[in-house]
Structure formats: C-alpha cells, structure tokens
Amino acid sequence: MAKLKGPLLSENAHGSIAKRLTFSKRASGNQARFQHANHDSNTTSQQTQRTLFLQARDAWQLLTTEEKALWKEYNNS
C-alpha cells in the first residue's frame, strides 16, 4: 500500500500501487518507477531446464543426512 504525504512526488511518497507503480525517496529526490509484469514464456528449453531442476531436487531429497554432508563437504573444498 502506497503512503502519500502532501501532493504526489512533491513531499513524501513511498510504497507500491498494484505492485506496478513504486514510489521511493532517493538521495537525488523522490522517484516513481513502473514495474513491468514478468512474462513466463513457456519455451521448450525452459521446460527442459525446469524438469532437470525438479529431478535434481528430488534426487537431493532422497539422500541421507550423511550423504548430504559429504556433498556439502566436497563442494566447500
């Protein structure tokens, strides 16, 4: 929820309206930014990467605590 004090952008405005228009105060003065909506393009390569990530996550969850500790130790060395 955006909070305004005085006329818009003149005295103090901060927060967001509808998660798109964001008001903030910077050293250079007040600022208003428009946030573009992210688009989830559903390409074949994107789906492949998501599937690989989910498979890796599932494989990690099947490991025992000792196996996870060994992997963490290996990756930190």
C-alpha atoms as a PDB file:
ATOM      1  CA  MET A   1       0.000   0.000   0.000  1.00  0.00           C
ATOM      2  CA  ALA A   2       1.470   3.339  -1.001  1.00  0.00           C
ATOM      3  CA  LYS A   3       1.573   6.068   1.630  1.00  0.00           C
ATOM      4  CA  LEU A   4       1.431   9.671   0.482  1.00  0.00           C
ATOM      5  CA  LYS A   5       2.152  12.839   2.399  1.00  0.00           C
ATOM      6  CA  GLY A   6       1.375  16.031   0.519  1.00  0.00           C
ATOM      7  CA  PRO A   7       0.905  16.191  -3.258  1.00  0.00           C
ATOM      8  CA  LEU A   8       2.244  13.207  -5.145  1.00  0.00           C
ATOM      9  CA  LEU A   9       6.046  13.323  -5.667  1.00  0.00           C
ATOM     10  CA  SER A  10       6.402  16.728  -4.037  1.00  0.00           C
ATOM     11  CA  GLU A  11       6.903  15.985  -0.354  1.00  0.00           C
ATOM     12  CA  ASN A  12       6.920  12.298   0.510  1.00  0.00           C
ATOM     13  CA  ALA A  13       5.594   9.180  -1.213  1.00  0.00           C
ATOM     14  CA  HIS A  14       6.684   5.585  -0.660  1.00  0.00           C
ATOM     15  CA  GLY A  15       5.291   2.150  -1.361  1.00  0.00           C
ATOM     16  CA  SER A  16       3.591   0.496  -4.317  1.00  0.00           C
ATOM     17  CA  ILE A  17       0.250   0.729  -6.041  1.00  0.00           C
ATOM     18  CA  ALA A  18      -0.999  -2.547  -7.533  1.00  0.00           C
ATOM     19  CA  LYS A  19       2.577  -3.944  -7.431  1.00  0.00           C
ATOM     20  CA  ARG A  20       3.305  -1.915 -10.567  1.00  0.00           C
ATOM     21  CA  LEU A  21       3.887   1.733  -9.619  1.00  0.00           C
ATOM     22  CA  THR A  22       6.501   2.118  -6.885  1.00  0.00           C
ATOM     23  CA  PHE A  23       7.356   5.354  -5.081  1.00  0.00           C
ATOM     24  CA  SER A  24      10.557   5.875  -3.106  1.00  0.00           C
ATOM     25  CA  LYS A  25      12.872   8.586  -1.855  1.00  0.00           C
ATOM     26  CA  ARG A  26      16.485   8.661  -3.014  1.00  0.00           C
ATOM     27  CA  ALA A  27      19.382  10.986  -2.295  1.00  0.00           C
ATOM     28  CA  SER A  28      18.615  12.684  -5.605  1.00  0.00           C
ATOM     29  CA  GLY A  29      14.957  13.171  -4.621  1.00  0.00           C
ATOM     30  CA  ASN A  30      11.653  11.368  -4.909  1.00  0.00           C
ATOM     31  CA  GLN A  31      11.290   8.648  -7.507  1.00  0.00           C
ATOM     32  CA  ALA A  32       8.425   6.830  -9.210  1.00  0.00           C
ATOM     33  CA  ARG A  33       9.161   3.570 -11.062  1.00  0.00           C
ATOM     34  CA  PHE A  34       6.873   1.447 -13.190  1.00  0.00           C
ATOM     35  CA  GLN A  35       7.439  -2.285 -12.744  1.00  0.00           C
ATOM     36  CA  HIS A  36       6.743  -4.298 -15.880  1.00  0.00           C
ATOM     37  CA  ALA A  37       4.948  -7.582 -15.349  1.00  0.00           C
ATOM     38  CA  ASN A  38       7.127 -10.658 -15.812  1.00  0.00           C
ATOM     39  CA  HIS A  39       6.097 -12.903 -18.648  1.00  0.00           C
ATOM     40  CA  ASP A  40       6.509 -16.624 -18.219  1.00  0.00           C
ATOM     41  CA  SER A  41       7.490 -17.664 -21.712  1.00  0.00           C
ATOM     42  CA  ASN A  42       6.993 -21.387 -21.826  1.00  0.00           C
ATOM     43  CA  THR A  43       9.708 -22.420 -24.292  1.00  0.00           C
ATOM     44  CA  THR A  44      10.856 -25.992 -24.820  1.00  0.00           C
ATOM     45  CA  SER A  45      14.332 -25.274 -23.441  1.00  0.00           C
ATOM     46  CA  GLN A  46      12.833 -23.545 -20.388  1.00  0.00           C
ATOM     47  CA  GLN A  47      10.626 -26.564 -19.686  1.00  0.00           C
ATOM     48  CA  THR A  48      13.650 -28.857 -20.084  1.00  0.00           C
ATOM     49  CA  GLN A  49      15.636 -26.832 -17.534  1.00  0.00           C
ATOM     50  CA  ARG A  50      12.722 -26.796 -15.104  1.00  0.00           C
ATOM     51  CA  THR A  51      12.347 -30.563 -15.412  1.00  0.00           C
ATOM     52  CA  LEU A  52      16.079 -31.108 -14.823  1.00  0.00           C
ATOM     53  CA  PHE A  53      15.983 -28.851 -11.769  1.00  0.00           C
ATOM     54  CA  LEU A  54      12.995 -30.719 -10.309  1.00  0.00           C
ATOM     55  CA  GLN A  55      14.720 -34.059 -10.904  1.00  0.00           C
ATOM     56  CA  ALA A  56      17.866 -32.808  -9.166  1.00  0.00           C
ATOM     57  CA  ARG A  57      15.785 -31.512  -6.252  1.00  0.00           C
ATOM     58  CA  ASP A  58      14.014 -34.853  -5.910  1.00  0.00           C
ATOM     59  CA  ALA A  59      17.344 -36.741  -6.038  1.00  0.00           C
ATOM     60  CA  TRP A  60      18.781 -34.470  -3.309  1.00  0.00           C
ATOM     61  CA  GLN A  61      15.778 -35.115  -1.081  1.00  0.00           C
ATOM     62  CA  LEU A  62      16.329 -38.883  -1.384  1.00  0.00           C
ATOM     63  CA  LEU A  63      19.881 -38.619   0.016  1.00  0.00           C
ATOM     64  CA  THR A  64      20.561 -39.451   3.642  1.00  0.00           C
ATOM     65  CA  THR A  65      21.842 -36.795   6.037  1.00  0.00           C
ATOM     66  CA  GLU A  66      25.334 -38.331   5.854  1.00  0.00           C
ATOM     67  CA  GLU A  67      25.332 -38.282   2.030  1.00  0.00           C
ATOM     68  CA  LYS A  68      24.226 -34.638   2.017  1.00  0.00           C
ATOM     69  CA  ALA A  69      27.017 -33.765   4.466  1.00  0.00           C
ATOM     70  CA  LEU A  70      29.565 -35.474   2.184  1.00  0.00           C
ATOM     71  CA  TRP A  71      28.304 -33.497  -0.844  1.00  0.00           C
ATOM     72  CA  LYS A  72      28.441 -30.227   1.100  1.00  0.00           C
ATOM     73  CA  GLU A  73      31.960 -31.009   2.332  1.00  0.00           C
ATOM     74  CA  TYR A  74      33.083 -31.894  -1.211  1.00  0.00           C
ATOM     75  CA  ASN A  75      31.673 -28.662  -2.660  1.00  0.00           C
ATOM     76  CA  ASN A  76      33.208 -26.467   0.059  1.00  0.00           C
ATOM     77  CA  SER A  77      36.734 -27.800  -0.514  1.00  0.00           C
END
